Protein backbone atom coordinates (compact mmCIF):
# COMPACT_ATOMS: atom_id res chain seq x y z
CA UNK A 1 16.88 12.39 24.29
CA UNK A 2 14.82 9.23 23.69
CA UNK A 3 11.84 11.26 22.47
CA UNK A 4 14.16 13.18 20.17
CA UNK A 5 15.51 9.94 18.68
CA UNK A 6 12.03 8.52 18.19
CA UNK A 7 10.90 11.80 16.61
CA UNK A 8 13.84 11.73 14.19
CA UNK A 9 13.11 8.05 13.42
CA UNK A 10 9.50 8.98 12.58
CA UNK A 11 10.59 11.82 10.30
CA UNK A 12 13.09 9.60 8.50
CA UNK A 13 10.45 6.90 8.16
CA UNK A 14 8.01 9.35 6.57
CA UNK A 15 10.66 10.61 4.15
CA UNK A 16 11.83 7.14 3.16
CA UNK A 17 8.21 5.96 2.78
CA UNK A 18 7.57 8.88 0.44
CA UNK A 19 10.71 7.96 -1.48
CA UNK A 20 9.56 4.32 -1.65
CA UNK A 21 6.19 5.31 -3.15
CA UNK A 22 7.85 7.67 -5.62
CA UNK A 23 10.28 4.94 -6.68
CA UNK A 24 7.29 2.64 -7.29
CA UNK A 25 5.73 5.35 -9.43
CA UNK A 26 8.97 5.72 -11.40
CA UNK A 27 9.01 1.96 -11.94
CA UNK A 28 5.51 2.14 -13.45
CA UNK A 29 6.64 5.03 -15.66
CA UNK A 30 9.57 2.93 -16.90
CA UNK A 31 7.26 0.00 -17.68
CA UNK A 32 4.90 2.34 -19.53
CA UNK A 33 7.77 3.85 -21.52
CA UNK A 34 9.17 0.56 -22.77
CA UNK A 35 6.02 -1.56 -23.07
CA UNK A 36 3.07 0.85 -23.19
CA UNK A 37 -0.22 -1.03 -23.07
CA UNK A 38 1.07 -4.00 -25.09
CA UNK A 39 0.69 -7.69 -24.32
CA UNK A 40 4.18 -7.56 -22.80
CA UNK A 41 3.07 -5.04 -20.16
CA UNK A 42 -0.10 -7.06 -19.52
CA UNK A 43 1.91 -10.27 -19.15
CA UNK A 44 4.37 -8.78 -16.65
CA UNK A 45 1.74 -7.04 -14.52
CA UNK A 46 -0.50 -10.11 -14.48
CA UNK A 47 2.40 -12.42 -13.60
CA UNK A 48 3.56 -10.07 -10.84
CA UNK A 49 0.31 -10.35 -8.86
CA UNK A 50 0.63 -13.81 -7.29
CA UNK A 51 4.36 -13.61 -6.41
CA UNK A 52 3.75 -10.15 -4.97
CA UNK A 53 0.90 -11.61 -2.91
CA UNK A 54 3.42 -13.99 -1.34
CA UNK A 55 5.97 -11.18 -0.95
CA UNK A 56 3.45 -9.14 1.05
CA UNK A 57 2.36 -12.28 2.91
CA UNK A 58 5.92 -12.61 4.18
CA UNK A 59 6.81 -8.92 4.61
CA UNK A 60 3.69 -7.44 6.21
CA UNK A 61 2.81 -10.60 8.10
CA UNK A 62 6.32 -10.80 9.54
CA UNK A 63 6.25 -7.20 10.75
CA UNK A 64 2.93 -7.73 12.51
CA UNK A 65 3.94 -11.06 14.07
CA UNK A 66 7.69 -10.88 14.72
CA UNK A 67 7.91 -7.42 16.27
CA UNK A 68 5.85 -8.32 19.38
CA UNK A 69 7.35 -11.82 19.69
CA UNK A 70 10.89 -10.44 19.33
CA UNK A 71 10.28 -7.78 22.00
CA UNK A 72 8.81 -10.43 24.31
CA UNK A 73 11.88 -12.61 23.77
CA UNK A 74 14.10 -9.58 24.41
CA UNK A 75 12.45 -9.07 27.80
CA UNK A 76 13.56 -12.63 28.64
CA UNK A 77 17.11 -12.10 27.41
CA UNK A 78 16.86 -14.31 24.32
CA UNK A 79 16.13 -11.86 21.51
CA UNK A 80 19.01 -13.02 19.29
CA UNK A 81 18.11 -16.69 19.74
CA UNK A 82 14.46 -16.06 18.83
CA UNK A 83 15.49 -14.01 15.78
CA UNK A 84 17.82 -16.81 14.68
CA UNK A 85 15.09 -19.44 15.03
CA UNK A 86 12.55 -17.42 13.04
CA UNK A 87 15.10 -16.54 10.36
CA UNK A 88 16.21 -20.13 9.84
CA UNK A 89 12.64 -21.41 9.87
CA UNK A 90 11.57 -18.71 7.41
CA UNK A 91 14.48 -19.52 5.11
CA UNK A 92 13.19 -23.10 4.86
CA UNK A 93 9.56 -22.01 4.41
CA UNK A 94 10.53 -19.44 1.75
CA UNK A 95 12.62 -21.96 -0.18
CA UNK A 96 9.75 -24.46 -0.20
CA UNK A 97 7.23 -21.82 -1.31
CA UNK A 98 9.63 -20.59 -4.01
CA UNK A 99 10.09 -24.11 -5.40
CA UNK A 100 6.34 -24.83 -5.36
CA UNK A 101 5.48 -21.46 -6.89
CA UNK A 102 8.06 -21.73 -9.66
CA UNK A 103 7.02 -25.31 -10.42
CA UNK A 104 3.31 -24.48 -10.60
CA UNK A 105 3.69 -21.30 -12.68
CA UNK A 106 3.38 -23.07 -16.06
CA UNK A 107 0.03 -24.47 -14.91
CA UNK A 108 -1.36 -21.52 -12.93
CA UNK A 109 -0.81 -18.78 -15.52
CA UNK A 110 -2.81 -20.41 -18.37
CA UNK A 111 -5.53 -21.30 -15.89
CA UNK A 112 -5.86 -17.73 -14.59
CA UNK A 113 -5.41 -15.94 -17.91
CA UNK A 114 -6.91 -18.10 -20.65
CA UNK A 115 -7.61 -15.01 -22.74
CA UNK A 116 -3.90 -14.18 -23.10
CA UNK A 117 -2.18 -14.91 -26.39
CA UNK A 118 0.41 -17.69 -26.51
CA UNK A 119 3.22 -15.14 -26.44
CA UNK A 120 1.74 -13.31 -23.44
CA UNK A 121 1.28 -16.58 -21.55
CA UNK A 122 4.89 -17.61 -22.20
CA UNK A 123 6.19 -14.27 -20.90
CA UNK A 124 3.90 -14.42 -17.87
CA UNK A 125 5.03 -17.96 -17.01
CA UNK A 126 8.75 -17.19 -17.05
CA UNK A 127 8.31 -13.86 -15.29
CA UNK A 128 6.41 -15.73 -12.59
CA UNK A 129 9.19 -18.33 -12.31
CA UNK A 130 11.84 -15.62 -11.85
CA UNK A 131 9.78 -13.73 -9.30
CA UNK A 132 8.90 -16.86 -7.36
CA UNK A 133 12.62 -17.61 -7.14
CA UNK A 134 13.11 -14.24 -5.43
CA UNK A 135 10.88 -15.44 -2.58
CA UNK A 136 13.91 -17.09 -0.93
CA UNK A 137 15.54 -13.66 -0.49
CA UNK A 138 12.24 -11.89 0.25
CA UNK A 139 11.44 -14.19 3.18
CA UNK A 140 14.80 -13.64 4.89
CA UNK A 141 14.57 -9.92 4.10
CA UNK A 142 11.15 -9.84 5.78
CA UNK A 143 12.59 -11.25 9.03
CA UNK A 144 15.43 -8.72 9.09
CA UNK A 145 13.11 -5.80 8.27
CA UNK A 146 10.83 -6.79 11.15
CA UNK A 147 13.91 -6.96 13.38
CA UNK A 148 14.86 -3.42 12.32
CA UNK A 149 11.31 -2.18 13.02
CA UNK A 150 11.44 -3.76 16.47
CA UNK A 151 14.59 -1.72 17.13
CA UNK A 152 12.98 1.53 15.85
CA UNK A 153 15.10 1.53 12.68
CA UNK A 154 12.10 1.94 10.41
CA UNK A 155 13.82 3.96 7.69
CA UNK A 156 16.52 1.34 7.03
CA UNK A 157 13.87 -1.33 6.45
CA UNK A 158 12.19 0.99 3.94
CA UNK A 159 15.49 1.78 2.22
CA UNK A 160 16.04 -1.94 1.67
CA UNK A 161 12.69 -2.12 -0.16
CA UNK A 162 13.74 0.84 -2.30
CA UNK A 163 16.83 -1.14 -3.34
CA UNK A 164 14.56 -3.86 -4.77
CA UNK A 165 12.59 -1.37 -6.86
CA UNK A 166 15.83 0.32 -7.91
CA UNK A 167 17.02 -3.06 -9.17
CA UNK A 168 13.93 -3.35 -11.38
CA UNK A 169 14.33 0.20 -12.72
CA UNK A 170 18.04 -0.16 -13.50
CA UNK A 171 17.62 -3.57 -15.10
CA UNK A 172 14.78 -2.29 -17.30
CA UNK A 173 16.83 0.72 -18.46
CA UNK A 174 19.79 -1.50 -19.31
CA UNK A 175 18.13 -4.59 -20.76
CA UNK A 176 14.43 -3.99 -21.58
CA UNK A 177 15.10 -3.49 -25.28
CA UNK A 178 17.07 -6.75 -25.43
CA UNK A 179 15.05 -9.16 -23.28
CA UNK A 180 11.73 -7.36 -22.75
CA UNK A 181 9.77 -7.79 -19.48
CA UNK A 182 12.21 -10.44 -18.27
CA UNK A 183 14.52 -7.53 -17.40
CA UNK A 184 12.05 -6.36 -14.76
CA UNK A 185 11.73 -9.79 -13.17
CA UNK A 186 15.49 -10.34 -13.18
CA UNK A 187 15.92 -6.87 -11.68
CA UNK A 188 13.59 -7.78 -8.84
CA UNK A 189 15.49 -11.01 -8.16
CA UNK A 190 18.86 -9.23 -8.14
CA UNK A 191 17.47 -6.31 -6.12
CA UNK A 192 16.12 -8.67 -3.44
CA UNK A 193 19.55 -10.35 -3.18
CA UNK A 194 21.34 -6.99 -2.97
CA UNK A 195 18.86 -5.79 -0.33
CA UNK A 196 19.60 -8.88 1.78
CA UNK A 197 23.36 -8.44 1.46
CA UNK A 198 22.99 -4.75 2.38
CA UNK A 199 21.31 -5.64 5.66
CA UNK A 200 23.61 -8.56 6.50
CA UNK A 201 26.83 -6.65 5.78
CA UNK A 202 26.07 -3.07 6.83
CA UNK A 203 23.04 -3.10 9.13
CA UNK A 204 22.61 -6.22 11.26
CA UNK A 205 25.36 -6.70 13.89
CA UNK A 206 27.47 -9.77 13.17
CA UNK A 207 26.70 -11.50 16.49
CA UNK A 208 22.94 -11.11 16.18
CA UNK A 209 22.34 -14.28 14.15
CA UNK A 210 23.93 -17.59 15.13
CA UNK A 211 23.78 -19.86 12.08
CA UNK A 212 25.25 -22.77 14.07
CA UNK A 213 22.27 -22.81 16.43
CA UNK A 214 20.02 -25.79 15.73
CA UNK A 215 16.45 -25.17 14.66
CA UNK A 216 13.99 -25.43 17.54
CA UNK A 217 10.94 -26.66 15.64
CA UNK A 218 8.69 -26.15 18.66
CA UNK A 219 9.58 -22.45 18.81
CA UNK A 220 9.30 -22.01 15.03
CA UNK A 221 5.92 -23.76 14.93
CA UNK A 222 4.64 -21.61 17.79
CA UNK A 223 5.71 -18.46 15.95
CA UNK A 224 4.10 -19.51 12.66
CA UNK A 225 0.86 -20.36 14.48
CA UNK A 226 0.70 -16.62 15.24
CA UNK A 227 2.18 -15.48 11.92
CA UNK A 228 -0.10 -17.28 9.47
CA UNK A 229 -3.49 -15.76 10.52
CA UNK A 230 -1.96 -12.28 10.59
CA UNK A 231 -0.26 -12.75 7.21
CA UNK A 232 -3.43 -14.12 5.62
CA UNK A 233 -5.33 -11.04 6.80
CA UNK A 234 -2.92 -8.64 5.10
CA UNK A 235 -3.15 -10.67 1.87
CA UNK A 236 -6.82 -9.78 1.33
CA UNK A 237 -6.04 -6.67 -0.69
CA UNK A 238 -3.67 -8.57 -2.98
CA UNK A 239 -6.13 -11.41 -3.44
CA UNK A 240 -8.76 -8.89 -4.52
CA UNK A 241 -6.21 -7.33 -6.88
CA UNK A 242 -5.54 -10.78 -8.35
CA UNK A 243 -9.30 -11.21 -8.88
CA UNK A 244 -9.37 -7.84 -10.67
CA UNK A 245 -6.51 -8.89 -12.95
CA UNK A 246 -8.11 -12.24 -13.76
CA UNK A 247 -11.24 -10.44 -14.96
CA UNK A 248 -9.13 -7.82 -16.78
CA UNK A 249 -7.33 -10.64 -18.61
CA UNK A 250 -10.62 -11.54 -20.31
CA UNK A 251 -10.64 -8.25 -22.22
CA UNK A 252 -8.52 -6.93 -25.06
CA UNK A 253 -4.78 -6.34 -24.91
CA UNK A 254 -3.86 -3.48 -22.60
CA UNK A 255 -6.70 -3.86 -20.10
CA UNK A 256 -4.53 -5.36 -17.35
CA UNK A 257 -2.17 -2.42 -17.79
CA UNK A 258 -4.96 0.18 -17.55
CA UNK A 259 -6.34 -1.39 -14.37
CA UNK A 260 -2.98 -1.62 -12.62
CA UNK A 261 -1.77 1.88 -13.47
CA UNK A 262 -5.12 3.42 -12.55
CA UNK A 263 -5.25 1.65 -9.19
CA UNK A 264 -1.64 2.47 -8.28
CA UNK A 265 -2.05 6.13 -9.17
CA UNK A 266 -5.41 6.76 -7.50
CA UNK A 267 -4.31 4.98 -4.31
CA UNK A 268 -1.10 7.02 -4.14
CA UNK A 269 -2.58 9.63 -1.71
CA UNK A 270 -3.79 6.85 0.58
CA UNK A 271 -0.31 5.33 0.72
CA UNK A 272 1.33 8.65 1.58
CA UNK A 273 -1.22 10.45 3.74
CA UNK A 274 -2.26 7.31 5.58
CA UNK A 275 1.25 7.02 7.03
CA UNK A 276 1.23 10.65 8.15
CA UNK A 277 -2.18 10.39 9.80
CA UNK A 278 -1.20 7.14 11.52
CA UNK A 279 1.93 8.80 12.93
CA UNK A 280 -0.17 11.56 14.54
CA UNK A 281 -3.25 9.61 15.64
CA UNK A 282 -2.13 6.14 16.69
CA UNK A 283 0.14 7.08 19.62
CA UNK A 284 -2.89 8.78 21.18
CA UNK A 285 -5.00 5.68 20.51
CA UNK A 286 -2.37 3.45 22.11
CA UNK A 287 -2.26 5.70 25.15
CA UNK A 288 -6.05 5.55 25.51
CA UNK A 289 -6.02 1.75 25.29
CA UNK A 290 -3.20 1.42 27.80
CA UNK A 291 -4.98 3.67 30.33
CA UNK A 292 -8.42 2.18 29.60
CA UNK A 293 -9.68 5.68 28.79
CA UNK A 294 -12.76 4.86 26.69
CA UNK A 295 -13.65 8.51 26.13
CA UNK A 296 -10.20 9.28 24.71
CA UNK A 297 -10.31 6.08 22.67
CA UNK A 298 -13.61 7.00 21.00
CA UNK A 299 -12.60 10.61 20.45
CA UNK A 300 -9.30 9.54 18.87
CA UNK A 301 -11.01 7.14 16.46
CA UNK A 302 -13.43 9.92 15.50
CA UNK A 303 -10.57 12.38 15.01
CA UNK A 304 -8.70 9.81 12.93
CA UNK A 305 -11.71 9.28 10.67
CA UNK A 306 -12.31 12.99 10.16
CA UNK A 307 -8.60 13.67 9.61
CA UNK A 308 -8.40 10.91 7.02
CA UNK A 309 -11.48 12.28 5.24
CA UNK A 310 -10.09 15.82 5.48
CA UNK A 311 -6.91 14.88 3.62
CA UNK A 312 -7.93 12.09 1.26
CA UNK A 313 -11.20 13.59 -0.11
CA UNK A 314 -9.66 16.75 -1.65
CA UNK A 315 -6.59 14.84 -2.86
CA UNK A 316 -8.65 12.27 -4.73
CA UNK A 317 -11.20 14.86 -5.93
CA UNK A 318 -8.41 16.96 -7.41
CA UNK A 319 -6.89 13.88 -9.04
CA UNK A 320 -10.22 12.99 -10.64
CA UNK A 321 -10.47 16.44 -12.23
CA UNK A 322 -6.88 16.34 -13.48
CA UNK A 323 -6.70 12.60 -14.18
CA UNK A 324 -6.04 12.63 -17.96
CA UNK A 325 -3.45 15.38 -17.48
CA UNK A 326 -1.73 13.56 -14.62
CA UNK A 327 -1.61 10.24 -16.49
CA UNK A 328 -0.42 11.99 -19.65
CA UNK A 329 2.28 13.81 -17.71
CA UNK A 330 3.51 10.68 -15.94
CA UNK A 331 3.11 7.92 -18.54
CA UNK A 332 2.45 9.27 -22.04
CA UNK A 333 5.82 8.82 -23.65
CA UNK A 334 7.65 6.04 -25.45
CA UNK A 335 5.27 3.14 -26.12
CA UNK A 336 2.45 4.58 -23.97
CA UNK A 337 0.04 6.34 -26.35
CA UNK A 338 -2.65 8.98 -25.83
CA UNK A 339 -5.29 6.29 -26.33
CA UNK A 340 -3.73 4.37 -23.43
CA UNK A 341 -3.92 7.55 -21.32
CA UNK A 342 -7.64 7.91 -22.00
CA UNK A 343 -8.34 4.23 -21.28
CA UNK A 344 -6.39 4.38 -18.00
CA UNK A 345 -8.25 7.56 -17.04
CA UNK A 346 -11.60 5.84 -17.54
CA UNK A 347 -10.59 3.09 -15.12
CA UNK A 348 -9.18 5.61 -12.62
CA UNK A 349 -12.47 7.50 -12.32
CA UNK A 350 -14.22 4.41 -10.98
CA UNK A 351 -11.56 3.87 -8.30
CA UNK A 352 -12.65 7.08 -6.51
CA UNK A 353 -14.82 5.26 -3.98
CA UNK A 354 -12.24 2.53 -3.48
CA UNK A 355 -9.48 4.83 -2.25
CA UNK A 356 -11.84 6.94 -0.13
CA UNK A 357 -13.61 4.07 1.63
CA UNK A 358 -10.53 1.92 2.19
CA UNK A 359 -8.65 4.94 3.57
CA UNK A 360 -11.36 5.42 6.19
CA UNK A 361 -11.33 1.71 6.87
CA UNK A 362 -7.68 1.81 7.96
CA UNK A 363 -8.80 3.72 11.04
CA UNK A 364 -11.60 1.24 11.79
CA UNK A 365 -9.13 -1.64 11.46
CA UNK A 366 -6.80 -0.02 13.99
CA UNK A 367 -9.76 0.21 16.33
CA UNK A 368 -10.45 -3.51 15.90
CA UNK A 369 -6.81 -4.36 16.58
CA UNK A 370 -6.82 -2.15 19.69
CA UNK A 371 -9.85 -4.04 20.97
CA UNK A 372 -8.10 -7.35 20.16
CA UNK A 373 -10.75 -8.24 17.57
CA UNK A 374 -8.44 -8.84 14.63
CA UNK A 375 -10.27 -12.06 13.68
CA UNK A 376 -13.28 -9.97 12.71
CA UNK A 377 -11.14 -8.15 10.15
CA UNK A 378 -10.08 -11.49 8.68
CA UNK A 379 -13.73 -12.49 8.40
CA UNK A 380 -14.64 -9.22 6.69
CA UNK A 381 -11.70 -9.64 4.35
CA UNK A 382 -12.77 -13.15 3.35
CA UNK A 383 -16.29 -11.90 2.66
CA UNK A 384 -14.90 -9.04 0.56
CA UNK A 385 -13.11 -11.52 -1.71
CA UNK A 386 -16.33 -13.42 -2.37
CA UNK A 387 -18.29 -10.25 -3.08
CA UNK A 388 -15.49 -8.93 -5.27
CA UNK A 389 -15.81 -11.96 -7.52
CA UNK A 390 -19.60 -11.53 -7.69
CA UNK A 391 -19.51 -7.79 -8.40
CA UNK A 392 -16.71 -8.14 -10.94
CA UNK A 393 -18.77 -10.70 -12.81
CA UNK A 394 -21.89 -8.50 -12.78
CA UNK A 395 -20.28 -5.12 -13.50
CA UNK A 396 -17.89 -6.26 -16.25
CA UNK A 397 -20.85 -7.61 -18.20
CA UNK A 398 -22.59 -4.29 -17.74
CA UNK A 399 -19.76 -1.75 -18.20
CA UNK A 400 -16.86 -3.71 -19.64
CA UNK A 401 -13.43 -3.34 -18.02
CA UNK A 402 -14.48 -0.22 -16.06
CA UNK A 403 -16.74 -2.54 -14.06
CA UNK A 404 -13.58 -3.85 -12.34
CA UNK A 405 -12.73 -0.60 -10.49
CA UNK A 406 -16.43 0.01 -9.87
CA UNK A 407 -16.58 -3.36 -8.09
CA UNK A 408 -13.64 -2.27 -5.91
CA UNK A 409 -15.45 0.93 -4.96
CA UNK A 410 -18.65 -0.92 -4.09
CA UNK A 411 -16.67 -3.44 -2.02
CA UNK A 412 -14.96 -0.54 -0.25
CA UNK A 413 -18.32 0.97 0.65
CA UNK A 414 -19.69 -2.32 1.98
CA UNK A 415 -16.47 -2.98 3.89
CA UNK A 416 -16.50 0.36 5.71
CA UNK A 417 -20.28 0.28 6.28
CA UNK A 418 -20.30 -3.20 7.83
CA UNK A 419 -17.03 -2.69 9.69
CA UNK A 420 -18.19 0.65 11.09
CA UNK A 421 -21.50 -0.83 12.26
CA UNK A 422 -19.75 -3.73 14.03
CA UNK A 423 -17.16 -1.40 15.55
CA UNK A 424 -19.89 0.89 16.91
CA UNK A 425 -21.34 -2.03 18.82
CA UNK A 426 -17.96 -3.18 20.15
CA UNK A 427 -16.79 0.29 21.18
CA UNK A 428 -20.08 1.27 22.75
CA UNK A 429 -20.77 4.03 20.27
CA UNK A 430 -18.93 7.01 18.78
CA UNK A 431 -19.71 10.74 18.65
CA UNK A 432 -21.83 10.36 15.51
CA UNK A 433 -23.19 13.91 15.53
CA UNK A 434 -19.67 15.31 15.54
CA UNK A 435 -18.63 12.90 12.77
CA UNK A 436 -21.63 13.83 10.63
CA UNK A 437 -21.08 17.55 11.15
CA UNK A 438 -17.37 17.32 10.29
CA UNK A 439 -17.93 15.16 7.22
CA UNK A 440 -20.51 17.65 5.89
CA UNK A 441 -18.11 20.58 6.43
CA UNK A 442 -15.25 18.75 4.72
CA UNK A 443 -17.48 17.84 1.77
CA UNK A 444 -18.54 21.50 1.41
CA UNK A 445 -14.89 22.60 1.45
CA UNK A 446 -14.06 20.00 -1.24
CA UNK A 447 -16.98 21.20 -3.38
CA UNK A 448 -15.76 24.79 -3.00
CA UNK A 449 -12.34 23.66 -4.18
CA UNK A 450 -13.92 21.85 -7.12
CA UNK A 451 -15.91 24.94 -8.12
CA UNK A 452 -12.75 27.00 -7.97
CA UNK A 453 -10.48 24.80 -10.07
CA UNK A 454 -12.89 23.68 -12.81
CA UNK A 455 -12.79 27.06 -14.62
CA UNK A 456 -8.99 27.04 -14.43
CA UNK A 457 -8.74 23.91 -16.59
CA UNK A 458 -9.99 25.71 -19.71
CA UNK A 459 -8.18 28.96 -18.83
CA UNK A 460 -4.82 27.19 -18.53
CA UNK A 461 -5.35 24.78 -21.43
CA UNK A 462 -2.59 26.42 -23.49
CA UNK A 463 -0.02 26.28 -20.72
CA UNK A 464 2.62 23.52 -20.63
CA UNK A 465 1.06 20.41 -19.12
CA UNK A 466 3.33 20.20 -16.05
CA UNK A 467 2.90 23.91 -15.26
CA UNK A 468 -0.89 23.81 -15.58
CA UNK A 469 -1.19 20.71 -13.35
CA UNK A 470 0.97 22.31 -10.65
CA UNK A 471 -0.88 25.63 -10.90
CA UNK A 472 -4.33 24.04 -10.67
CA UNK A 473 -3.26 21.75 -7.81
CA UNK A 474 -1.78 24.70 -5.94
CA UNK A 475 -4.91 26.81 -6.45
CA UNK A 476 -7.06 23.91 -5.27
CA UNK A 477 -4.97 23.46 -2.11
CA UNK A 478 -5.30 27.16 -1.27
CA UNK A 479 -9.07 27.25 -1.88
CA UNK A 480 -9.59 24.09 0.16
CA UNK A 481 -7.43 25.27 3.07
CA UNK A 482 -9.18 28.63 3.24
CA UNK A 483 -12.61 26.96 3.05
CA UNK A 484 -11.67 24.50 5.80
CA UNK A 485 -10.47 27.36 8.00
CA UNK A 486 -13.60 29.43 7.45
CA UNK A 487 -15.78 26.40 8.22
CA UNK A 488 -13.77 25.78 11.42
CA UNK A 489 -13.26 22.12 10.65
CA UNK A 490 -12.07 20.47 13.86
CA UNK A 491 -9.83 17.95 12.07
CA UNK A 492 -7.86 20.83 10.55
CA UNK A 493 -7.43 22.39 14.01
CA UNK A 494 -6.44 18.96 15.40
CA UNK A 495 -3.66 18.61 12.82
CA UNK A 496 -2.49 22.15 13.38
CA UNK A 497 -2.28 21.70 17.17
CA UNK A 498 -0.30 18.45 16.81
CA UNK A 499 2.13 20.01 14.34
CA UNK A 500 2.63 23.00 16.65
CA UNK A 501 3.16 20.64 19.61
CA UNK A 502 5.85 18.76 17.69
CA UNK A 503 7.57 22.01 16.72
CA UNK A 504 7.53 23.14 20.35
CA UNK A 505 9.01 19.81 21.43
CA UNK A 506 11.82 20.21 18.89
CA UNK A 507 12.56 23.73 20.15
CA UNK A 508 12.60 22.51 23.76
CA UNK A 509 14.91 19.61 22.86
CA UNK A 510 17.16 22.00 20.94
CA UNK A 511 17.56 24.18 24.01
């Protein structure tokens, strides 16, 4: 029965995660519809970066830090007390950060985006103020979402994040024409408040949090000593995104928009498939670590890498071929013109390496965490920020704004290359011959898919855009699957065996 509940929780988590990513995509479509690639879109997207960095600092950092500390407290019979202490401490920290962030926004925005017009800077400043104000709700939400994760209620935590995005979408539909990008920021603020009320009223048991309990500063300080390094580590990606936007702000109106839409779209497969692969691979990795089975540990890391490559490579390759069509289908309406589609497509092409290399790196990072070498990841992340600044400076002077995504791809390559080399030494090696053989087979299968779908683009040119994209994507999936089967790619067989095992478990449970 327990396995059945955990299996259902995993399925619900995957479905709600997919819904979360789709809702984020719809939000981008709404922004594109109302604001296109104008200075208003640039101002909102640029202003969103730093508050969102703090949102992720709280949310992801809290999940990585609070879940183990909460479970440890639960083993000692004081789970509710520990949750109360962290929640009250986080409420204070969030309020202070919100006040500082809102107060500094009028000074930070002009400093980061000197190339923005006066109107764009004014919008960016007030959007930043509104979003920073939401940090009070985001911080408390982060604690409660980590609490839900610790109790295997993953899908509810994800649903609460969907409520925030839904607030932005609804507010934009209702008020974008009257108050412009401020509608999006106000929608986020209201959505964060509604999400918090949803959890407090309907999800978290009333006796769980004791607001009358005095703050134990020693316990709160001990928790934040663990929280801060973890949270800083997960901020690296957002810091690099902020660097990208700062460089994009030096170019003409619309560039910030092109960069953000291109990155979000190209990294969509990573966000979806990464969760699926993690669900299949990481329980095996945890078992190997717990039993000190080094052979299983190494084999699982290798299988995770090949499985990630198996899924992400064809997905991104297909997207590259269909990129103008996909962007046109999703965004080209309202204020988003065909010229904006072409400019966004140019940026998207250069993100190919970024999504591929960082997808593979998620597996290496899990290996580092399993070996209790998380500080190495933080060091690599800090180095990546420095190199991102250097490469952005060099490539933007060479290629213009497309140098920004190229810098991300180069950073991704260096990150995985250095991280893989260090991990090899720590783990005592990996089955490199098997990895090389599998990667070659997968690449051949992807090339076969590419050769099969390229002629279809011209053949289906007269078809409706949505129909042609679906038809070409479907044909590509079939060609790739058949090629992978004929090449006997082990990662494909690994996925198939795990899916069959799960189906068998469901049938057994059903009986």
